[in-house]
C-alpha atoms as a PDB file:
ATOM      1  CA  UNK A   1      15.873   4.686  -5.974  1.00  0.00           C
ATOM      2  CA  UNK A   2      16.192   1.548  -3.826  1.00  0.00           C
ATOM      3  CA  UNK A   3      14.010   0.302  -0.989  1.00  0.00           C
ATOM      4  CA  UNK A   4      15.677  -2.015   1.540  1.00  0.00           C
ATOM      5  CA  UNK A   5      13.254  -4.592   2.891  1.00  0.00           C
ATOM      6  CA  UNK A   6      14.482  -7.377   5.172  1.00  0.00           C
ATOM      7  CA  UNK A   7      17.668  -7.930   3.212  1.00  0.00           C
ATOM      8  CA  UNK A   8      16.002  -7.527  -0.183  1.00  0.00           C
ATOM      9  CA  UNK A   9      16.869  -4.446  -2.239  1.00  0.00           C
ATOM     10  CA  UNK A  10      13.911  -3.388  -4.379  1.00  0.00           C
ATOM     11  CA  UNK A  11      14.775  -1.400  -7.487  1.00  0.00           C
ATOM     12  CA  UNK A  12      12.081   1.265  -7.883  1.00  0.00           C
ATOM     13  CA  UNK A  13      13.472   2.728 -11.096  1.00  0.00           C
ATOM     14  CA  UNK A  14      10.611   1.020 -12.933  1.00  0.00           C
ATOM     15  CA  UNK A  15       7.349   1.206 -10.941  1.00  0.00           C
ATOM     16  CA  UNK A  16       6.529  -1.960  -9.013  1.00  0.00           C
ATOM     17  CA  UNK A  17       3.101  -3.552  -8.716  1.00  0.00           C
ATOM     18  CA  UNK A  18       1.870  -4.564  -5.272  1.00  0.00           C
ATOM     19  CA  UNK A  19      -0.977  -7.071  -5.422  1.00  0.00           C
ATOM     20  CA  UNK A  20      -3.625  -7.029  -2.692  1.00  0.00           C
ATOM     21  CA  UNK A  21      -4.400 -10.165  -0.656  1.00  0.00           C
ATOM     22  CA  UNK A  22      -7.200  -9.370   1.804  1.00  0.00           C
ATOM     23  CA  UNK A  23      -7.744 -12.100   4.395  1.00  0.00           C
ATOM     24  CA  UNK A  24     -10.859 -10.348   5.680  1.00  0.00           C
ATOM     25  CA  UNK A  25     -14.644 -10.797   5.663  1.00  0.00           C
ATOM     26  CA  UNK A  26     -15.378  -7.081   5.247  1.00  0.00           C
ATOM     27  CA  UNK A  27     -12.925  -5.328   2.916  1.00  0.00           C
ATOM     28  CA  UNK A  28     -14.772  -2.899   0.639  1.00  0.00           C
ATOM     29  CA  UNK A  29     -13.939  -4.644  -2.645  1.00  0.00           C
ATOM     30  CA  UNK A  30     -13.202  -8.324  -2.061  1.00  0.00           C
ATOM     31  CA  UNK A  31     -14.140  -8.967   1.565  1.00  0.00           C
ATOM     32  CA  UNK A  32     -14.778 -12.665   2.149  1.00  0.00           C
ATOM     33  CA  UNK A  33     -13.468 -13.806  -1.234  1.00  0.00           C
ATOM     34  CA  UNK A  34     -10.153 -15.005   0.214  1.00  0.00           C
ATOM     35  CA  UNK A  35     -11.194 -15.376   3.826  1.00  0.00           C
ATOM     36  CA  UNK A  36      -9.265 -18.565   4.567  1.00  0.00           C
ATOM     37  CA  UNK A  37      -5.599 -19.398   4.496  1.00  0.00           C
ATOM     38  CA  UNK A  38      -5.925 -21.707   1.495  1.00  0.00           C
ATOM     39  CA  UNK A  39      -7.920 -19.228  -0.581  1.00  0.00           C
ATOM     40  CA  UNK A  40      -5.626 -16.349   0.334  1.00  0.00           C
ATOM     41  CA  UNK A  41      -2.525 -18.332  -0.617  1.00  0.00           C
ATOM     42  CA  UNK A  42      -4.159 -19.417  -3.865  1.00  0.00           C
ATOM     43  CA  UNK A  43      -5.012 -15.804  -4.665  1.00  0.00           C
ATOM     44  CA  UNK A  44      -1.479 -14.676  -3.840  1.00  0.00           C
ATOM     45  CA  UNK A  45      -0.008 -17.274  -6.173  1.00  0.00           C
ATOM     46  CA  UNK A  46      -2.366 -16.133  -8.922  1.00  0.00           C
ATOM     47  CA  UNK A  47      -1.284 -12.511  -8.488  1.00  0.00           C
ATOM     48  CA  UNK A  48       2.373 -13.547  -8.697  1.00  0.00           C
ATOM     49  CA  UNK A  49       1.651 -15.356 -11.960  1.00  0.00           C
ATOM     50  CA  UNK A  50      -0.035 -12.201 -13.253  1.00  0.00           C
ATOM     51  CA  UNK A  51       3.084 -10.152 -12.587  1.00  0.00           C
ATOM     52  CA  UNK A  52       2.884  -8.814  -9.035  1.00  0.00           C
ATOM     53  CA  UNK A  53       6.265  -7.702  -7.700  1.00  0.00           C
ATOM     54  CA  UNK A  54       5.026  -7.554  -4.091  1.00  0.00           C
ATOM     55  CA  UNK A  55       2.087  -9.126  -2.259  1.00  0.00           C
ATOM     56  CA  UNK A  56       0.352  -7.042   0.432  1.00  0.00           C
ATOM     57  CA  UNK A  57      -1.392  -9.288   2.967  1.00  0.00           C
ATOM     58  CA  UNK A  58      -3.966  -7.743   5.277  1.00  0.00           C
ATOM     59  CA  UNK A  59      -6.092  -9.179   8.066  1.00  0.00           C
ATOM     60  CA  UNK A  60      -7.992  -6.036   9.055  1.00  0.00           C
ATOM     61  CA  UNK A  61     -10.168  -3.951   6.755  1.00  0.00           C
ATOM     62  CA  UNK A  62      -9.294  -0.244   6.645  1.00  0.00           C
ATOM     63  CA  UNK A  63     -12.332   0.809   4.608  1.00  0.00           C
ATOM     64  CA  UNK A  64     -14.230   3.857   5.904  1.00  0.00           C
ATOM     65  CA  UNK A  65     -16.182   2.873   9.032  1.00  0.00           C
ATOM     66  CA  UNK A  66     -14.338  -0.391   9.548  1.00  0.00           C
ATOM     67  CA  UNK A  67     -14.062  -1.626  13.163  1.00  0.00           C
ATOM     68  CA  UNK A  68     -10.763  -2.712  14.696  1.00  0.00           C
ATOM     69  CA  UNK A  69      -9.905  -6.413  14.723  1.00  0.00           C
ATOM     70  CA  UNK A  70      -8.500  -8.029  17.907  1.00  0.00           C
ATOM     71  CA  UNK A  71      -4.805  -8.775  17.622  1.00  0.00           C
ATOM     72  CA  UNK A  72      -5.302 -12.537  18.093  1.00  0.00           C
ATOM     73  CA  UNK A  73      -7.753 -12.629  15.197  1.00  0.00           C
ATOM     74  CA  UNK A  74      -5.477 -10.610  12.936  1.00  0.00           C
ATOM     75  CA  UNK A  75      -2.548 -12.899  13.713  1.00  0.00           C
ATOM     76  CA  UNK A  76      -4.652 -15.972  12.970  1.00  0.00           C
ATOM     77  CA  UNK A  77      -5.678 -14.547   9.615  1.00  0.00           C
ATOM     78  CA  UNK A  78      -2.332 -13.224   8.430  1.00  0.00           C
ATOM     79  CA  UNK A  79       0.586 -15.245   9.772  1.00  0.00           C
ATOM     80  CA  UNK A  80      -0.256 -18.654   8.206  1.00  0.00           C
ATOM     81  CA  UNK A  81      -0.640 -16.927   4.825  1.00  0.00           C
ATOM     82  CA  UNK A  82       2.734 -15.200   5.186  1.00  0.00           C
ATOM     83  CA  UNK A  83       4.398 -18.448   6.205  1.00  0.00           C
ATOM     84  CA  UNK A  84       3.098 -20.318   3.168  1.00  0.00           C
ATOM     85  CA  UNK A  85       3.693 -17.551   0.612  1.00  0.00           C
ATOM     86  CA  UNK A  86       7.211 -16.945   1.961  1.00  0.00           C
ATOM     87  CA  UNK A  87       8.121 -20.353   0.552  1.00  0.00           C
ATOM     88  CA  UNK A  88       7.726 -18.920  -2.975  1.00  0.00           C
ATOM     89  CA  UNK A  89      10.502 -16.383  -2.440  1.00  0.00           C
ATOM     90  CA  UNK A  90       8.089 -13.521  -3.149  1.00  0.00           C
ATOM     91  CA  UNK A  91       8.421 -10.091  -1.557  1.00  0.00           C
ATOM     92  CA  UNK A  92       5.723  -9.979   1.123  1.00  0.00           C
ATOM     93  CA  UNK A  93       4.166  -6.945   2.775  1.00  0.00           C
ATOM     94  CA  UNK A  94       1.839  -7.072   5.767  1.00  0.00           C
ATOM     95  CA  UNK A  95      -0.821  -4.382   6.088  1.00  0.00           C
ATOM     96  CA  UNK A  96      -0.952  -3.797   9.847  1.00  0.00           C
ATOM     97  CA  UNK A  97      -0.497  -1.249  12.632  1.00  0.00           C
ATOM     98  CA  UNK A  98      -0.154  -3.591  15.591  1.00  0.00           C
ATOM     99  CA  UNK A  99       3.277  -4.250  17.162  1.00  0.00           C
ATOM    100  CA  UNK A 100       2.511  -7.909  17.837  1.00  0.00           C
ATOM    101  CA  UNK A 101       1.623  -8.484  14.197  1.00  0.00           C
ATOM    102  CA  UNK A 102       4.734  -6.599  13.048  1.00  0.00           C
ATOM    103  CA  UNK A 103       6.996  -8.843  15.112  1.00  0.00           C
ATOM    104  CA  UNK A 104       5.251 -12.083  14.143  1.00  0.00           C
ATOM    105  CA  UNK A 105       5.192 -11.087  10.470  1.00  0.00           C
ATOM    106  CA  UNK A 106       8.939 -10.533  10.536  1.00  0.00           C
ATOM    107  CA  UNK A 107       9.478 -13.980  12.034  1.00  0.00           C
ATOM    108  CA  UNK A 108       7.108 -15.552   9.494  1.00  0.00           C
ATOM    109  CA  UNK A 109       9.041 -14.246   6.497  1.00  0.00           C
ATOM    110  CA  UNK A 110       7.568 -10.834   5.653  1.00  0.00           C
ATOM    111  CA  UNK A 111       9.737  -8.097   4.166  1.00  0.00           C
ATOM    112  CA  UNK A 112       7.578  -4.973   4.566  1.00  0.00           C
ATOM    113  CA  UNK A 113       5.158  -3.410   7.040  1.00  0.00           C
ATOM    114  CA  UNK A 114       2.551  -1.292   5.250  1.00  0.00           C
ATOM    115  CA  UNK A 115       0.984   0.825   7.994  1.00  0.00           C
ATOM    116  CA  UNK A 116      -1.983   3.144   7.429  1.00  0.00           C
ATOM    117  CA  UNK A 117      -1.218   4.700  10.833  1.00  0.00           C
ATOM    118  CA  UNK A 118       2.437   5.420   9.971  1.00  0.00           C
ATOM    119  CA  UNK A 119       3.765   3.481  12.998  1.00  0.00           C
ATOM    120  CA  UNK A 120       1.886   5.666  15.485  1.00  0.00           C
ATOM    121  CA  UNK A 121       0.093   2.820  17.287  1.00  0.00           C
ATOM    122  CA  UNK A 122       1.638   2.392  20.773  1.00  0.00           C
ATOM    123  CA  UNK A 123       4.655   0.113  20.462  1.00  0.00           C
ATOM    124  CA  UNK A 124       4.548  -0.110  16.657  1.00  0.00           C
ATOM    125  CA  UNK A 125       7.590   2.062  16.008  1.00  0.00           C
ATOM    126  CA  UNK A 126       9.741   0.176  18.506  1.00  0.00           C
ATOM    127  CA  UNK A 127       8.563  -3.130  17.051  1.00  0.00           C
ATOM    128  CA  UNK A 128       9.440  -2.102  13.503  1.00  0.00           C
ATOM    129  CA  UNK A 129      12.789  -0.693  14.605  1.00  0.00           C
ATOM    130  CA  UNK A 130      13.680  -4.046  16.190  1.00  0.00           C
ATOM    131  CA  UNK A 131      13.372  -5.741  12.788  1.00  0.00           C
ATOM    132  CA  UNK A 132      15.003  -5.122   9.403  1.00  0.00           C
ATOM    133  CA  UNK A 133      11.663  -4.784   7.594  1.00  0.00           C
ATOM    134  CA  UNK A 134      10.945  -2.066   5.082  1.00  0.00           C
ATOM    135  CA  UNK A 135       8.203   0.277   6.282  1.00  0.00           C
ATOM    136  CA  UNK A 136       5.556   2.180   4.354  1.00  0.00           C
ATOM    137  CA  UNK A 137       4.206   5.212   6.221  1.00  0.00           C
ATOM    138  CA  UNK A 138       0.760   6.410   5.140  1.00  0.00           C
ATOM    139  CA  UNK A 139      -1.132   9.605   5.890  1.00  0.00           C
ATOM    140  CA  UNK A 140      -4.510   9.224   7.570  1.00  0.00           C
ATOM    141  CA  UNK A 141      -6.404  11.428   9.983  1.00  0.00           C
ATOM    142  CA  UNK A 142      -8.160   9.636  12.820  1.00  0.00           C
ATOM    143  CA  UNK A 143      -8.993   5.974  12.306  1.00  0.00           C
ATOM    144  CA  UNK A 144     -10.752   4.093   9.509  1.00  0.00           C
ATOM    145  CA  UNK A 145     -13.888   4.270  11.651  1.00  0.00           C
ATOM    146  CA  UNK A 146     -13.992   8.090  11.776  1.00  0.00           C
ATOM    147  CA  UNK A 147     -11.514   9.363   9.167  1.00  0.00           C
ATOM    148  CA  UNK A 148     -14.134  10.624   6.707  1.00  0.00           C
ATOM    149  CA  UNK A 149     -15.327  13.164   9.269  1.00  0.00           C
ATOM    150  CA  UNK A 150     -11.845  14.721   9.350  1.00  0.00           C
ATOM    151  CA  UNK A 151     -11.409  16.167   5.866  1.00  0.00           C
ATOM    152  CA  UNK A 152     -10.854  19.827   6.757  1.00  0.00           C
ATOM    153  CA  UNK A 153      -7.533  21.008   5.287  1.00  0.00           C
ATOM    154  CA  UNK A 154      -6.224  24.466   4.479  1.00  0.00           C
ATOM    155  CA  UNK A 155      -3.923  22.885   1.854  1.00  0.00           C
ATOM    156  CA  UNK A 156      -4.227  19.117   1.603  1.00  0.00           C
ATOM    157  CA  UNK A 157      -1.033  18.646  -0.420  1.00  0.00           C
ATOM    158  CA  UNK A 158       1.085  20.780   1.907  1.00  0.00           C
ATOM    159  CA  UNK A 159      -0.336  19.228   5.078  1.00  0.00           C
ATOM    160  CA  UNK A 160       0.008  15.641   3.887  1.00  0.00           C
ATOM    161  CA  UNK A 161       3.577  16.250   2.744  1.00  0.00           C
ATOM    162  CA  UNK A 162       4.465  17.869   6.072  1.00  0.00           C
ATOM    163  CA  UNK A 163       2.994  14.942   8.021  1.00  0.00           C
ATOM    164  CA  UNK A 164       4.851  12.335   5.967  1.00  0.00           C
ATOM    165  CA  UNK A 165       8.196  14.093   6.310  1.00  0.00           C
ATOM    166  CA  UNK A 166       7.637  14.461  10.047  1.00  0.00           C
ATOM    167  CA  UNK A 167       6.870  10.763  10.425  1.00  0.00           C
ATOM    168  CA  UNK A 168       9.857   9.776   8.281  1.00  0.00           C
ATOM    169  CA  UNK A 169      12.109  11.838  10.549  1.00  0.00           C
ATOM    170  CA  UNK A 170      10.579  10.286  13.686  1.00  0.00           C
ATOM    171  CA  UNK A 171      11.069   6.808  12.264  1.00  0.00           C
ATOM    172  CA  UNK A 172      14.702   7.551  11.463  1.00  0.00           C
ATOM    173  CA  UNK A 173      15.300   8.879  14.972  1.00  0.00           C
ATOM    174  CA  UNK A 174      14.009   5.531  16.248  1.00  0.00           C
ATOM    175  CA  UNK A 175      16.781   3.765  14.335  1.00  0.00           C
ATOM    176  CA  UNK A 176      15.130   2.850  11.034  1.00  0.00           C
ATOM    177  CA  UNK A 177      17.425   3.818   8.161  1.00  0.00           C
ATOM    178  CA  UNK A 178      16.044   6.114   5.478  1.00  0.00           C
ATOM    179  CA  UNK A 179      16.625   3.382   2.858  1.00  0.00           C
ATOM    180  CA  UNK A 180      13.965   1.274   4.604  1.00  0.00           C
ATOM    181  CA  UNK A 181      11.260   3.973   4.380  1.00  0.00           C
ATOM    182  CA  UNK A 182       8.513   4.385   1.779  1.00  0.00           C
ATOM    183  CA  UNK A 183       5.719   6.999   1.851  1.00  0.00           C
ATOM    184  CA  UNK A 184       2.032   6.897   0.855  1.00  0.00           C
ATOM    185  CA  UNK A 185      -0.192   9.999   0.699  1.00  0.00           C
ATOM    186  CA  UNK A 186      -3.250   7.969   1.641  1.00  0.00           C
ATOM    187  CA  UNK A 187      -5.650   8.294  -1.284  1.00  0.00           C
ATOM    188  CA  UNK A 188      -9.121   7.662   0.169  1.00  0.00           C
ATOM    189  CA  UNK A 189      -8.117   7.981   3.827  1.00  0.00           C
ATOM    190  CA  UNK A 190      -9.681  11.052   5.395  1.00  0.00           C
ATOM    191  CA  UNK A 191     -10.012  13.045   2.181  1.00  0.00           C
ATOM    192  CA  UNK A 192     -12.847  14.229  -0.041  1.00  0.00           C
ATOM    193  CA  UNK A 193     -13.080  13.185  -3.687  1.00  0.00           C
ATOM    194  CA  UNK A 194     -11.538  16.484  -4.776  1.00  0.00           C
ATOM    195  CA  UNK A 195      -8.736  16.213  -2.222  1.00  0.00           C
ATOM    196  CA  UNK A 196      -7.895  12.693  -3.367  1.00  0.00           C
ATOM    197  CA  UNK A 197      -7.512  13.879  -6.935  1.00  0.00           C
ATOM    198  CA  UNK A 198      -5.473  16.879  -5.808  1.00  0.00           C
ATOM    199  CA  UNK A 199      -3.030  14.427  -4.288  1.00  0.00           C
ATOM    200  CA  UNK A 200      -2.983  12.267  -7.418  1.00  0.00           C
ATOM    201  CA  UNK A 201      -2.391  15.354  -9.559  1.00  0.00           C
ATOM    202  CA  UNK A 202       0.566  16.264  -7.326  1.00  0.00           C
ATOM    203  CA  UNK A 203       2.133  12.816  -7.282  1.00  0.00           C
ATOM    204  CA  UNK A 204       5.241  14.269  -8.911  1.00  0.00           C
ATOM    205  CA  UNK A 205       5.745  16.563  -5.908  1.00  0.00           C
ATOM    206  CA  UNK A 206       5.669  13.607  -3.488  1.00  0.00           C
ATOM    207  CA  UNK A 207       7.892  11.586  -5.811  1.00  0.00           C
ATOM    208  CA  UNK A 208      10.604  14.251  -5.454  1.00  0.00           C
ATOM    209  CA  UNK A 209      10.925  13.493  -1.732  1.00  0.00           C
ATOM    210  CA  UNK A 210      13.928  11.301  -0.843  1.00  0.00           C
ATOM    211  CA  UNK A 211      11.842   8.150  -0.329  1.00  0.00           C
ATOM    212  CA  UNK A 212      10.008   5.735  -2.625  1.00  0.00           C
ATOM    213  CA  UNK A 213       6.323   6.612  -3.039  1.00  0.00           C
ATOM    214  CA  UNK A 214       3.480   4.089  -2.901  1.00  0.00           C
ATOM    215  CA  UNK A 215       0.070   5.010  -4.312  1.00  0.00           C
ATOM    216  CA  UNK A 216      -3.032   2.910  -3.613  1.00  0.00           C
ATOM    217  CA  UNK A 217      -6.281   3.945  -5.270  1.00  0.00           C
ATOM    218  CA  UNK A 218      -7.508   0.641  -6.658  1.00  0.00           C
ATOM    219  CA  UNK A 219     -11.334   0.414  -6.875  1.00  0.00           C
ATOM    220  CA  UNK A 220     -11.804   3.156  -4.276  1.00  0.00           C
ATOM    221  CA  UNK A 221     -14.997   5.138  -3.850  1.00  0.00           C
ATOM    222  CA  UNK A 222     -13.546   8.338  -5.314  1.00  0.00           C
ATOM    223  CA  UNK A 223     -13.156   6.496  -8.613  1.00  0.00           C
ATOM    224  CA  UNK A 224     -16.795   5.490  -8.367  1.00  0.00           C
ATOM    225  CA  UNK A 225     -17.814   9.070  -7.592  1.00  0.00           C
ATOM    226  CA  UNK A 226     -16.204  10.261 -10.821  1.00  0.00           C
ATOM    227  CA  UNK A 227     -17.211   7.371 -13.098  1.00  0.00           C
ATOM    228  CA  UNK A 228     -20.523   6.319 -11.589  1.00  0.00           C
ATOM    229  CA  UNK A 229     -19.268   2.716 -11.553  1.00  0.00           C
ATOM    230  CA  UNK A 230     -19.829   0.175  -8.780  1.00  0.00           C
ATOM    231  CA  UNK A 231     -16.821  -1.270  -6.982  1.00  0.00           C
ATOM    232  CA  UNK A 232     -16.451  -4.284  -9.289  1.00  0.00           C
ATOM    233  CA  UNK A 233     -16.793  -2.105 -12.393  1.00  0.00           C
ATOM    234  CA  UNK A 234     -13.803   0.115 -11.600  1.00  0.00           C
ATOM    235  CA  UNK A 235     -11.021  -1.859 -13.270  1.00  0.00           C
ATOM    236  CA  UNK A 236     -10.515   0.659 -16.074  1.00  0.00           C
ATOM    237  CA  UNK A 237     -10.605   3.595 -13.660  1.00  0.00           C
ATOM    238  CA  UNK A 238      -8.208   1.811 -11.294  1.00  0.00           C
ATOM    239  CA  UNK A 239      -5.700   0.989 -14.013  1.00  0.00           C
ATOM    240  CA  UNK A 240      -5.919   4.537 -15.356  1.00  0.00           C
ATOM    241  CA  UNK A 241      -5.240   5.948 -11.903  1.00  0.00           C
ATOM    242  CA  UNK A 242      -2.314   3.584 -11.345  1.00  0.00           C
ATOM    243  CA  UNK A 243      -0.836   4.549 -14.705  1.00  0.00           C
ATOM    244  CA  UNK A 244      -1.191   8.271 -13.972  1.00  0.00           C
ATOM    245  CA  UNK A 245       0.516   7.755 -10.609  1.00  0.00           C
ATOM    246  CA  UNK A 246       3.357   5.783 -12.189  1.00  0.00           C
ATOM    247  CA  UNK A 247       3.859   8.310 -14.974  1.00  0.00           C
ATOM    248  CA  UNK A 248       4.078  11.051 -12.342  1.00  0.00           C
ATOM    249  CA  UNK A 249       6.753   9.255 -10.382  1.00  0.00           C
ATOM    250  CA  UNK A 250       5.149   6.717  -8.047  1.00  0.00           C
ATOM    251  CA  UNK A 251       7.547   3.891  -7.193  1.00  0.00           C
ATOM    252  CA  UNK A 252       4.882   1.324  -6.263  1.00  0.00           C
ATOM    253  CA  UNK A 253       1.179   1.029  -7.080  1.00  0.00           C
ATOM    254  CA  UNK A 254      -1.050  -1.092  -4.856  1.00  0.00           C
ATOM    255  CA  UNK A 255      -3.759  -2.812  -6.914  1.00  0.00           C
ATOM    256  CA  UNK A 256      -6.413  -5.512  -6.995  1.00  0.00           C
ATOM    257  CA  UNK A 257      -6.185  -6.003 -10.777  1.00  0.00           C
ATOM    258  CA  UNK A 258      -2.570  -7.027 -11.309  1.00  0.00           C
ATOM    259  CA  UNK A 259      -2.846  -8.454 -14.836  1.00  0.00           C
ATOM    260  CA  UNK A 260      -4.634  -5.394 -16.228  1.00  0.00           C
ATOM    261  CA  UNK A 261      -2.177  -3.031 -14.537  1.00  0.00           C
ATOM    262  CA  UNK A 262       0.790  -5.028 -15.819  1.00  0.00           C
ATOM    263  CA  UNK A 263      -0.576  -4.822 -19.387  1.00  0.00           C
ATOM    264  CA  UNK A 264      -0.976  -1.046 -19.109  1.00  0.00           C
ATOM    265  CA  UNK A 265       2.567  -0.683 -17.794  1.00  0.00           C
ATOM    266  CA  UNK A 266       3.954  -2.805 -20.641  1.00  0.00           C
ATOM    267  CA  UNK A 267       2.358  -0.521 -23.247  1.00  0.00           C
ATOM    268  CA  UNK A 268       3.513   2.627 -21.440  1.00  0.00           C
ATOM    269  CA  UNK A 269       7.091   1.407 -20.978  1.00  0.00           C
ATOM    270  CA  UNK A 270       7.329   0.145 -24.567  1.00  0.00           C
ATOM    271  CA  UNK A 271       6.155   3.527 -25.820  1.00  0.00           C
ATOM    272  CA  UNK A 272       8.591   5.327 -23.536  1.00  0.00           C
ATOM    273  CA  UNK A 273      11.466   3.191 -24.803  1.00  0.00           C
ATOM    274  CA  UNK A 274      10.743   4.301 -28.393  1.00  0.00           C
ATOM    275  CA  UNK A 275      10.468   8.012 -27.676  1.00  0.00           C
ATOM    276  CA  UNK A 276      14.025   8.958 -28.631  1.00  0.00           C
ATOM    277  CA  UNK A 277      14.441   6.503 -31.490  1.00  0.00           C
ATOM    278  CA  UNK A 278      14.434   7.763 -35.061  1.00  0.00           C
END
């Protein structure tokens, strides 16, 4: 499966690793650690050295309860980082819902828009359609500020799948080719712990849809609920979750801990390559 992103064709046959670059003061795991252009660029370069295939740059926290960031502030946080990291030739994703940020990110050298609101913000779909960026459409009920009060599902897997297919069709009707679309079932966004793990367990079902699948569960609270570990003690749980997702068909995993995830993938892929050898 291929994902077309601003003229770059990403081969998803082997799962790709998307490294997280949060240019925010309040992200749940690393808020404030890279809250300047220089520190964010430095962190992005480090993740590339560790084996990241894609960098995901975000200027607005989407943790539960997070407030919205004014568009001018988000632009000031994100665009200089994109401009500098684009000089490396790396594949760059911007984690945003705002049409102004989508357009400026495209001009600055981004390749992907990773949108937790699945291009439902007013003007976002038209903005994305006017570019050649790849788009990742995620499932979330409500907003980050209120999503955890909206976890009532009759069948979480069925409802999330139906939403994603509906949004993919809407995006295609707006002129975005199917080859530019990736889906994300939104682990941690408006779901209970049990519902999150239902989705992870059914990753293979989502992977059978005709779009690449991104899974992002790195360091999230559901991992802490199961392990009892604090956010900075969830590396093992995060890598385990990423590996499970990849083994069940995820095309891309979005992670904080790139080096550890890359090591796990190397062992898995080496083992897989030996399976049919005598």
